[in-house]
Amino acid sequence: MILAKIAVWGLGSMVVGGAVLCSEGLVTVRVHQREPDGHNVFLVAPAMLMPLGMKFVPRDALRRDEREIRPYLPILRAAADELANCPDATLVEVIDRDEHVRVAKHWGAIVVDVDEPGQTVHVSVPIRAMQSALRELAANFPGD
């Protein structure tokens, strides 16, 4: 009986841990190269890793790039906040003879789809994760 309780506790901990880790959604990247020796890449990662990863960026590296980052940080934060509040929509779509690029907000994520003769690329990043990462970045620059 004690073994069953430990198993249930362990399973419950894994479920709760997974739910917390995925609370901001998932970042997905899919690349399909249509060449005979082409690669297929499919990555899924918890979006919470974005702001968490920001904590591990060396402060020296951030300070070195602060002059380039700081002017755009308020704009990026405002854009992310507004995107979070707007309805799902196609933001940009470019259709060329050989290429099709689409940037859209879909289910709380920014989705970029590129279709060109040699490959198809799909990237999806939750807006909540972008907001968290931008807040974490701003915390490294006092005064913002």
Protein backbone atom coordinates (compact mmCIF):
# COMPACT_ATOMS: atom_id res chain seq x y z
CA MET A 1 0.00 0.00 0.00
CA ILE A 2 2.83 2.38 0.81
CA LEU A 3 4.39 1.72 -2.60
CA ALA A 4 1.11 2.68 -4.31
CA LYS A 5 0.98 5.95 -2.33
CA ILE A 6 4.54 6.77 -3.34
CA ALA A 7 3.71 6.02 -6.98
CA VAL A 8 0.59 8.22 -6.87
CA TRP A 9 2.56 11.02 -5.18
CA GLY A 10 5.33 10.74 -7.77
CA LEU A 11 2.87 10.74 -10.68
CA GLY A 12 0.97 13.68 -9.20
CA SER A 13 4.19 15.62 -8.75
CA MET A 14 5.15 14.98 -12.37
CA VAL A 15 1.73 16.12 -13.61
CA VAL A 16 1.78 19.30 -11.51
CA GLY A 17 5.40 19.99 -12.46
CA GLY A 18 4.58 19.53 -16.14
CA ALA A 19 1.57 21.80 -15.85
CA VAL A 20 3.62 24.54 -14.19
CA LEU A 21 6.43 24.17 -16.72
CA CYS A 22 3.96 24.44 -19.62
CA SER A 23 1.82 27.17 -18.02
CA GLU A 24 3.00 29.76 -20.54
CA GLY A 25 2.53 27.42 -23.47
CA LEU A 26 4.95 25.76 -25.83
CA VAL A 27 7.45 27.11 -28.33
CA THR A 28 7.41 25.03 -31.49
CA VAL A 29 9.81 25.02 -34.40
CA ARG A 30 9.28 22.82 -37.44
CA VAL A 31 11.55 22.83 -40.49
CA HIS A 32 10.98 20.56 -43.47
CA GLN A 33 13.53 20.63 -46.26
CA ARG A 34 12.13 19.18 -49.46
CA GLU A 35 15.44 18.15 -50.97
CA PRO A 36 16.38 14.45 -51.30
CA ASP A 37 18.93 14.81 -48.49
CA GLY A 38 16.84 17.40 -46.68
CA HIS A 39 16.34 17.44 -42.95
CA ASN A 40 13.17 17.48 -40.93
CA VAL A 41 13.41 19.22 -37.57
CA PHE A 42 10.62 19.36 -35.03
CA LEU A 43 11.29 20.95 -31.64
CA VAL A 44 8.85 21.60 -28.82
CA ALA A 45 9.96 23.31 -25.63
CA PRO A 46 8.12 24.83 -22.68
CA ALA A 47 7.89 28.56 -23.24
CA MET A 48 8.71 29.12 -19.58
CA LEU A 49 12.31 28.33 -20.53
CA MET A 50 12.56 31.72 -22.29
CA PRO A 51 12.29 33.96 -19.19
CA LEU A 52 14.03 31.31 -17.09
CA GLY A 53 16.89 31.23 -19.57
CA MET A 54 17.20 35.01 -19.29
CA LYS A 55 18.30 34.53 -15.68
CA PHE A 56 21.35 32.64 -16.92
CA VAL A 57 22.52 35.18 -19.49
CA PRO A 58 25.78 36.65 -18.16
CA ARG A 59 25.29 40.20 -16.89
CA ASP A 60 28.44 41.26 -18.74
CA ALA A 61 26.90 40.21 -22.06
CA LEU A 62 23.73 42.19 -21.32
CA ARG A 63 25.68 45.27 -20.24
CA ARG A 64 27.78 45.08 -23.41
CA ASP A 65 24.65 45.13 -25.59
CA GLU A 66 22.56 47.43 -23.38
CA ARG A 67 22.98 50.49 -25.64
CA GLU A 68 21.57 48.56 -28.60
CA ILE A 69 18.76 46.86 -26.67
CA ARG A 70 17.54 49.62 -24.33
CA PRO A 71 15.95 51.96 -26.95
CA TYR A 72 13.77 49.15 -28.32
CA LEU A 73 12.75 47.56 -25.03
CA PRO A 74 9.77 49.86 -24.28
CA ILE A 75 8.52 49.44 -27.85
CA LEU A 76 8.83 45.65 -27.70
CA ARG A 77 7.08 45.51 -24.32
CA ALA A 78 4.22 47.74 -25.53
CA ALA A 79 3.85 45.72 -28.73
CA ALA A 80 3.75 42.42 -26.81
CA ASP A 81 1.17 43.83 -24.38
CA GLU A 82 -1.05 45.06 -27.20
CA LEU A 83 -0.70 41.82 -29.16
CA ALA A 84 -1.84 39.93 -26.07
CA ASN A 85 -5.05 41.98 -26.04
CA CYS A 86 -5.90 41.95 -29.73
CA PRO A 87 -7.94 39.22 -31.44
CA ASP A 88 -6.38 36.53 -33.59
CA ALA A 89 -5.46 37.91 -36.99
CA THR A 90 -2.92 37.80 -39.78
CA LEU A 91 -0.44 40.58 -39.08
CA VAL A 92 1.71 40.34 -42.20
CA GLU A 93 1.38 38.21 -45.31
CA VAL A 94 3.70 38.31 -48.28
CA ILE A 95 2.94 36.20 -51.32
CA ASP A 96 5.58 36.06 -54.00
CA ARG A 97 5.80 33.83 -57.03
CA ASP A 98 8.04 31.38 -55.16
CA GLU A 99 7.55 32.27 -51.50
CA HIS A 100 4.75 32.69 -49.02
CA VAL A 101 5.41 34.28 -45.62
CA ARG A 102 2.72 34.73 -43.00
CA VAL A 103 2.99 36.24 -39.53
CA ALA A 104 -0.12 35.91 -37.42
CA LYS A 105 -1.47 35.92 -33.92
CA HIS A 106 -3.17 32.61 -33.27
CA TRP A 107 -4.40 31.28 -29.92
CA GLY A 108 -2.18 33.61 -27.90
CA ALA A 109 0.98 32.99 -29.90
CA ILE A 110 2.89 34.70 -32.66
CA VAL A 111 3.10 32.23 -35.53
CA VAL A 112 5.51 32.60 -38.45
CA ASP A 113 5.05 30.33 -41.47
CA VAL A 114 7.43 30.44 -44.41
CA ASP A 115 6.92 28.32 -47.49
CA GLU A 116 9.56 28.51 -50.18
CA PRO A 117 10.68 26.10 -52.89
CA GLY A 118 13.33 24.33 -50.81
CA GLN A 119 11.71 24.27 -47.39
CA THR A 120 8.82 24.98 -45.11
CA VAL A 121 9.39 26.64 -41.73
CA HIS A 122 6.91 27.06 -38.87
CA VAL A 123 7.69 28.87 -35.60
CA SER A 124 5.20 29.52 -32.82
CA VAL A 125 6.01 31.51 -29.66
CA PRO A 126 3.43 32.28 -26.95
CA ILE A 127 2.99 35.99 -26.33
CA ARG A 128 2.90 35.45 -22.55
CA ALA A 129 6.39 33.95 -22.74
CA MET A 130 7.63 36.91 -24.79
CA GLN A 131 6.19 39.29 -22.19
CA SER A 132 7.89 37.39 -19.37
CA ALA A 133 11.22 37.32 -21.20
CA LEU A 134 10.98 41.06 -21.92
CA ARG A 135 10.17 41.78 -18.24
CA GLU A 136 13.18 39.72 -17.21
CA LEU A 137 15.35 41.59 -19.70
CA ALA A 138 14.06 44.96 -18.47
CA ALA A 139 14.88 43.96 -14.89
CA ASN A 140 18.53 43.86 -15.95
CA PHE A 141 18.41 47.50 -17.07
CA PRO A 142 17.63 49.75 -14.08
CA GLY A 143 15.49 52.73 -15.01
CA ASP A 144 13.25 50.94 -17.54
